[in-house]
Amino acid sequence: MAQQAEADLSSLLERLKAAQRDLVLTAAKSTALPSDGMLRKISELEGAIAATEALIQEEGDRR
């Protein structure tokens, strides 16, 4: 069961990172500053990424 949880978390982590990467690259292409909404979403994704990485670490430590 722990291996499946780790696999699920790793998959989620990759999706979160890809979403954040896409937003950052979109912001980089613009000559204007990113909107507050875009900055907020990037920040929220960073929090979700950190939480997911922490859970992956916990799962690894439990094994």
PDB file of N, CA and C in Angstrom:
ATOM      1  N   MET A   1       0.826  -1.193   0.000  1.00  0.00           N
ATOM      2  CA  MET A   1       0.000   0.000   0.000  1.00  0.00           C
ATOM      3  C   MET A   1       0.868   1.254   0.000  1.00  0.00           C
ATOM      4  N   ALA A   2       1.946   1.265   0.754  1.00  0.00           N
ATOM      5  CA  ALA A   2       2.812   2.441   0.822  1.00  0.00           C
ATOM      6  C   ALA A   2       3.452   2.734  -0.532  1.00  0.00           C
ATOM      7  N   GLN A   3       3.800   1.694  -1.265  1.00  0.00           N
ATOM      8  CA  GLN A   3       4.399   1.905  -2.583  1.00  0.00           C
ATOM      9  C   GLN A   3       3.406   2.564  -3.529  1.00  0.00           C
ATOM     10  N   GLN A   4       2.127   2.164  -3.447  1.00  0.00           N
ATOM     11  CA  GLN A   4       1.108   2.768  -4.296  1.00  0.00           C
ATOM     12  C   GLN A   4       0.910   4.227  -3.927  1.00  0.00           C
ATOM     13  N   ALA A   5       0.920   4.533  -2.636  1.00  0.00           N
ATOM     14  CA  ALA A   5       0.765   5.920  -2.179  1.00  0.00           C
ATOM     15  C   ALA A   5       1.932   6.764  -2.684  1.00  0.00           C
ATOM     16  N   GLU A   6       3.130   6.223  -2.602  1.00  0.00           N
ATOM     17  CA  GLU A   6       4.303   6.953  -3.105  1.00  0.00           C
ATOM     18  C   GLU A   6       4.204   7.190  -4.614  1.00  0.00           C
ATOM     19  N   ALA A   7       3.746   6.194  -5.336  1.00  0.00           N
ATOM     20  CA  ALA A   7       3.594   6.334  -6.789  1.00  0.00           C
ATOM     21  C   ALA A   7       2.535   7.392  -7.112  1.00  0.00           C
ATOM     22  N   ASP A   8       1.433   7.368  -6.369  1.00  0.00           N
ATOM     23  CA  ASP A   8       0.374   8.362  -6.574  1.00  0.00           C
ATOM     24  C   ASP A   8       0.878   9.763  -6.260  1.00  0.00           C
ATOM     25  N   LEU A   9       1.612   9.889  -5.169  1.00  0.00           N
ATOM     26  CA  LEU A   9       2.154  11.195  -4.782  1.00  0.00           C
ATOM     27  C   LEU A   9       3.180  11.686  -5.795  1.00  0.00           C
ATOM     28  N   SER A  10       4.006  10.793  -6.293  1.00  0.00           N
ATOM     29  CA  SER A  10       5.005  11.177  -7.293  1.00  0.00           C
ATOM     30  C   SER A  10       4.336  11.656  -8.577  1.00  0.00           C
ATOM     31  N   SER A  11       3.276  10.983  -8.960  1.00  0.00           N
ATOM     32  CA  SER A  11       2.526  11.391 -10.145  1.00  0.00           C
ATOM     33  C   SER A  11       1.906  12.772  -9.936  1.00  0.00           C
ATOM     34  N   LEU A  12       1.309  12.979  -8.776  1.00  0.00           N
ATOM     35  CA  LEU A  12       0.739  14.281  -8.445  1.00  0.00           C
ATOM     36  C   LEU A  12       1.812  15.354  -8.464  1.00  0.00           C
ATOM     37  N   LEU A  13       2.965  15.062  -7.882  1.00  0.00           N
ATOM     38  CA  LEU A  13       4.059  16.023  -7.832  1.00  0.00           C
ATOM     39  C   LEU A  13       4.475  16.458  -9.235  1.00  0.00           C
ATOM     40  N   GLU A  14       4.589  15.522 -10.139  1.00  0.00           N
ATOM     41  CA  GLU A  14       4.979  15.853 -11.510  1.00  0.00           C
ATOM     42  C   GLU A  14       3.934  16.732 -12.185  1.00  0.00           C
ATOM     43  N   ARG A  15       2.652  16.457 -11.942  1.00  0.00           N
ATOM     44  CA  ARG A  15       1.586  17.284 -12.531  1.00  0.00           C
ATOM     45  C   ARG A  15       1.603  18.691 -11.956  1.00  0.00           C
ATOM     46  N   LEU A  16       1.821  18.807 -10.653  1.00  0.00           N
ATOM     47  CA  LEU A  16       1.878  20.127 -10.018  1.00  0.00           C
ATOM     48  C   LEU A  16       3.064  20.933 -10.559  1.00  0.00           C
ATOM     49  N   LYS A  17       4.216  20.287 -10.666  1.00  0.00           N
ATOM     50  CA  LYS A  17       5.401  20.968 -11.180  1.00  0.00           C
ATOM     51  C   LYS A  17       5.206  21.397 -12.628  1.00  0.00           C
ATOM     52  N   ALA A  18       4.579  20.555 -13.427  1.00  0.00           N
ATOM     53  CA  ALA A  18       4.338  20.890 -14.827  1.00  0.00           C
ATOM     54  C   ALA A  18       3.394  22.086 -14.938  1.00  0.00           C
ATOM     55  N   ALA A  19       2.357  22.108 -14.113  1.00  0.00           N
ATOM     56  CA  ALA A  19       1.411  23.227 -14.132  1.00  0.00           C
ATOM     57  C   ALA A  19       2.107  24.519 -13.732  1.00  0.00           C
ATOM     58  N   GLN A  20       2.938  24.447 -12.700  1.00  0.00           N
ATOM     59  CA  GLN A  20       3.654  25.637 -12.250  1.00  0.00           C
ATOM     60  C   GLN A  20       4.659  26.090 -13.312  1.00  0.00           C
ATOM     61  N   ARG A  21       5.357  25.155 -13.897  1.00  0.00           N
ATOM     62  CA  ARG A  21       6.340  25.469 -14.944  1.00  0.00           C
ATOM     63  C   ARG A  21       5.658  26.171 -16.119  1.00  0.00           C
ATOM     64  N   ASP A  22       4.500  25.663 -16.523  1.00  0.00           N
ATOM     65  CA  ASP A  22       3.765  26.276 -17.627  1.00  0.00           C
ATOM     66  C   ASP A  22       3.376  27.718 -17.310  1.00  0.00           C
ATOM     67  N   LEU A  23       2.920  27.962 -16.086  1.00  0.00           N
ATOM     68  CA  LEU A  23       2.555  29.325 -15.696  1.00  0.00           C
ATOM     69  C   LEU A  23       3.763  30.249 -15.690  1.00  0.00           C
ATOM     70  N   VAL A  24       4.875  29.779 -15.159  1.00  0.00           N
ATOM     71  CA  VAL A  24       6.082  30.606 -15.097  1.00  0.00           C
ATOM     72  C   VAL A  24       6.581  30.906 -16.507  1.00  0.00           C
ATOM     73  N   LEU A  25       6.567  29.922 -17.379  1.00  0.00           N
ATOM     74  CA  LEU A  25       7.013  30.147 -18.757  1.00  0.00           C
ATOM     75  C   LEU A  25       6.078  31.108 -19.486  1.00  0.00           C
ATOM     76  N   THR A  26       4.794  30.996 -19.241  1.00  0.00           N
ATOM     77  CA  THR A  26       3.835  31.934 -19.836  1.00  0.00           C
ATOM     78  C   THR A  26       4.106  33.344 -19.345  1.00  0.00           C
ATOM     79  N   ALA A  27       4.364  33.489 -18.052  1.00  0.00           N
ATOM     80  CA  ALA A  27       4.668  34.805 -17.487  1.00  0.00           C
ATOM     81  C   ALA A  27       5.962  35.360 -18.072  1.00  0.00           C
ATOM     82  N   ALA A  28       6.925  34.492 -18.302  1.00  0.00           N
ATOM     83  CA  ALA A  28       8.217  34.930 -18.830  1.00  0.00           C
ATOM     84  C   ALA A  28       8.111  35.443 -20.262  1.00  0.00           C
ATOM     85  N   LYS A  29       7.169  34.920 -21.020  1.00  0.00           N
ATOM     86  CA  LYS A  29       7.007  35.331 -22.411  1.00  0.00           C
ATOM     87  C   LYS A  29       6.421  36.726 -22.534  1.00  0.00           C
ATOM     88  N   SER A  30       5.736  37.180 -21.514  1.00  0.00           N
ATOM     89  CA  SER A  30       5.083  38.488 -21.554  1.00  0.00           C
ATOM     90  C   SER A  30       6.075  39.584 -21.175  1.00  0.00           C
ATOM     91  N   THR A  31       5.886  40.757 -21.770  1.00  0.00           N
ATOM     92  CA  THR A  31       6.735  41.888 -21.408  1.00  0.00           C
ATOM     93  C   THR A  31       6.204  42.608 -20.173  1.00  0.00           C
ATOM     94  N   ALA A  32       4.976  42.331 -19.799  1.00  0.00           N
ATOM     95  CA  ALA A  32       4.368  42.950 -18.612  1.00  0.00           C
ATOM     96  C   ALA A  32       4.583  42.058 -17.392  1.00  0.00           C
ATOM     97  N   LEU A  33       4.362  42.639 -16.245  1.00  0.00           N
ATOM     98  CA  LEU A  33       4.406  41.838 -15.023  1.00  0.00           C
ATOM     99  C   LEU A  33       3.239  40.858 -15.020  1.00  0.00           C
ATOM    100  N   PRO A  34       3.423  39.681 -14.431  1.00  0.00           N
ATOM    101  CA  PRO A  34       2.312  38.728 -14.340  1.00  0.00           C
ATOM    102  C   PRO A  34       1.177  39.320 -13.495  1.00  0.00           C
ATOM    103  N   SER A  35      -0.019  38.901 -13.789  1.00  0.00           N
ATOM    104  CA  SER A  35      -1.166  39.375 -13.020  1.00  0.00           C
ATOM    105  C   SER A  35      -1.094  38.850 -11.592  1.00  0.00           C
ATOM    106  N   ASP A  36      -1.818  39.511 -10.716  1.00  0.00           N
ATOM    107  CA  ASP A  36      -1.867  39.050  -9.327  1.00  0.00           C
ATOM    108  C   ASP A  36      -2.405  37.621  -9.248  1.00  0.00           C
ATOM    109  N   GLY A  37      -3.393  37.330 -10.097  1.00  0.00           N
ATOM    110  CA  GLY A  37      -3.966  35.985 -10.103  1.00  0.00           C
ATOM    111  C   GLY A  37      -2.958  34.932 -10.510  1.00  0.00           C
ATOM    112  N   MET A  38      -2.143  35.245 -11.517  1.00  0.00           N
ATOM    113  CA  MET A  38      -1.134  34.294 -11.966  1.00  0.00           C
ATOM    114  C   MET A  38      -0.074  34.099 -10.881  1.00  0.00           C
ATOM    115  N   LEU A  39       0.355  35.192 -10.259  1.00  0.00           N
ATOM    116  CA  LEU A  39       1.341  35.090  -9.182  1.00  0.00           C
ATOM    117  C   LEU A  39       0.787  34.272  -8.013  1.00  0.00           C
ATOM    118  N   ARG A  40      -0.487  34.475  -7.712  1.00  0.00           N
ATOM    119  CA  ARG A  40      -1.125  33.742  -6.617  1.00  0.00           C
ATOM    120  C   ARG A  40      -1.164  32.255  -6.944  1.00  0.00           C
ATOM    121  N   LYS A  41      -1.510  31.922  -8.182  1.00  0.00           N
ATOM    122  CA  LYS A  41      -1.582  30.516  -8.584  1.00  0.00           C
ATOM    123  C   LYS A  41      -0.208  29.862  -8.533  1.00  0.00           C
ATOM    124  N   ILE A  42       0.823  30.565  -8.986  1.00  0.00           N
ATOM    125  CA  ILE A  42       2.189  30.036  -8.919  1.00  0.00           C
ATOM    126  C   ILE A  42       2.564  29.769  -7.463  1.00  0.00           C
ATOM    127  N   SER A  43       2.224  30.708  -6.595  1.00  0.00           N
ATOM    128  CA  SER A  43       2.519  30.567  -5.172  1.00  0.00           C
ATOM    129  C   SER A  43       1.743  29.399  -4.551  1.00  0.00           C
ATOM    130  N   GLU A  44       0.477  29.282  -4.896  1.00  0.00           N
ATOM    131  CA  GLU A  44      -0.335  28.185  -4.371  1.00  0.00           C
ATOM    132  C   GLU A  44       0.217  26.839  -4.823  1.00  0.00           C
ATOM    133  N   LEU A  45       0.645  26.773  -6.068  1.00  0.00           N
ATOM    134  CA  LEU A  45       1.239  25.535  -6.569  1.00  0.00           C
ATOM    135  C   LEU A  45       2.528  25.211  -5.814  1.00  0.00           C
ATOM    136  N   GLU A  46       3.306  26.244  -5.482  1.00  0.00           N
ATOM    137  CA  GLU A  46       4.547  26.015  -4.725  1.00  0.00           C
ATOM    138  C   GLU A  46       4.237  25.387  -3.372  1.00  0.00           C
ATOM    139  N   GLY A  47       3.182  25.867  -2.733  1.00  0.00           N
ATOM    140  CA  GLY A  47       2.771  25.282  -1.452  1.00  0.00           C
ATOM    141  C   GLY A  47       2.327  23.833  -1.607  1.00  0.00           C
ATOM    142  N   ALA A  48       1.572  23.556  -2.654  1.00  0.00           N
ATOM    143  CA  ALA A  48       1.118  22.186  -2.905  1.00  0.00           C
ATOM    144  C   ALA A  48       2.297  21.273  -3.230  1.00  0.00           C
ATOM    145  N   ILE A  49       3.266  21.793  -3.973  1.00  0.00           N
ATOM    146  CA  ILE A  49       4.466  21.019  -4.294  1.00  0.00           C
ATOM    147  C   ILE A  49       5.227  20.684  -3.008  1.00  0.00           C
ATOM    148  N   ALA A  50       5.402  21.667  -2.154  1.00  0.00           N
ATOM    149  CA  ALA A  50       6.128  21.435  -0.892  1.00  0.00           C
ATOM    150  C   ALA A  50       5.400  20.418  -0.017  1.00  0.00           C
ATOM    151  N   ALA A  51       4.087  20.522   0.056  1.00  0.00           N
ATOM    152  CA  ALA A  51       3.311  19.574   0.861  1.00  0.00           C
ATOM    153  C   ALA A  51       3.412  18.167   0.298  1.00  0.00           C
ATOM    154  N   THR A  52       3.361  18.047  -1.011  1.00  0.00           N
ATOM    155  CA  THR A  52       3.459  16.733  -1.650  1.00  0.00           C
ATOM    156  C   THR A  52       4.844  16.131  -1.441  1.00  0.00           C
ATOM    157  N   GLU A  53       5.873  16.957  -1.574  1.00  0.00           N
ATOM    158  CA  GLU A  53       7.238  16.464  -1.327  1.00  0.00           C
ATOM    159  C   GLU A  53       7.400  16.004   0.117  1.00  0.00           C
ATOM    160  N   ALA A  54       6.786  16.717   1.057  1.00  0.00           N
ATOM    161  CA  ALA A  54       6.863  16.321   2.465  1.00  0.00           C
ATOM    162  C   ALA A  54       6.178  14.979   2.683  1.00  0.00           C
ATOM    163  N   LEU A  55       5.041  14.770   2.052  1.00  0.00           N
ATOM    164  CA  LEU A  55       4.349  13.484   2.186  1.00  0.00           C
ATOM    165  C   LEU A  55       5.144  12.345   1.570  1.00  0.00           C
ATOM    166  N   ILE A  56       5.783  12.613   0.445  1.00  0.00           N
ATOM    167  CA  ILE A  56       6.627  11.591  -0.172  1.00  0.00           C
ATOM    168  C   ILE A  56       7.767  11.225   0.777  1.00  0.00           C
ATOM    169  N   GLN A  57       8.363  12.227   1.392  1.00  0.00           N
ATOM    170  CA  GLN A  57       9.446  11.979   2.351  1.00  0.00           C
ATOM    171  C   GLN A  57       8.940  11.155   3.536  1.00  0.00           C
ATOM    172  N   GLU A  58       7.766  11.504   4.036  1.00  0.00           N
ATOM    173  CA  GLU A  58       7.182  10.742   5.164  1.00  0.00           C
ATOM    174  C   GLU A  58       6.931   9.297   4.778  1.00  0.00           C
ATOM    175  N   GLU A  59       6.404   9.073   3.590  1.00  0.00           N
ATOM    176  CA  GLU A  59       6.165   7.707   3.125  1.00  0.00           C
ATOM    177  C   GLU A  59       7.479   6.941   3.034  1.00  0.00           C
ATOM    178  N   GLY A  60       8.525   7.595   2.532  1.00  0.00           N
ATOM    179  CA  GLY A  60       9.826   6.958   2.437  1.00  0.00           C
ATOM    180  C   GLY A  60      10.406   6.624   3.804  1.00  0.00           C
ATOM    181  N   ASP A  61      10.210   7.538   4.754  1.00  0.00           N
ATOM    182  CA  ASP A  61      10.728   7.311   6.114  1.00  0.00           C
ATOM    183  C   ASP A  61       9.995   6.181   6.822  1.00  0.00           C
ATOM    184  N   ARG A  62       8.727   5.976   6.490  1.00  0.00           N
ATOM    185  CA  ARG A  62       7.937   4.925   7.129  1.00  0.00           C
ATOM    186  C   ARG A  62       8.362   3.546   6.666  1.00  0.00           C
ATOM    187  N   ARG A  63       9.036   3.472   5.510  1.00  0.00           N
ATOM    188  CA  ARG A  63       9.456   2.165   4.991  1.00  0.00           C
ATOM    189  C   ARG A  63      10.799   1.847   5.474  1.00  0.00           C
TER     190      ARG A  63
END
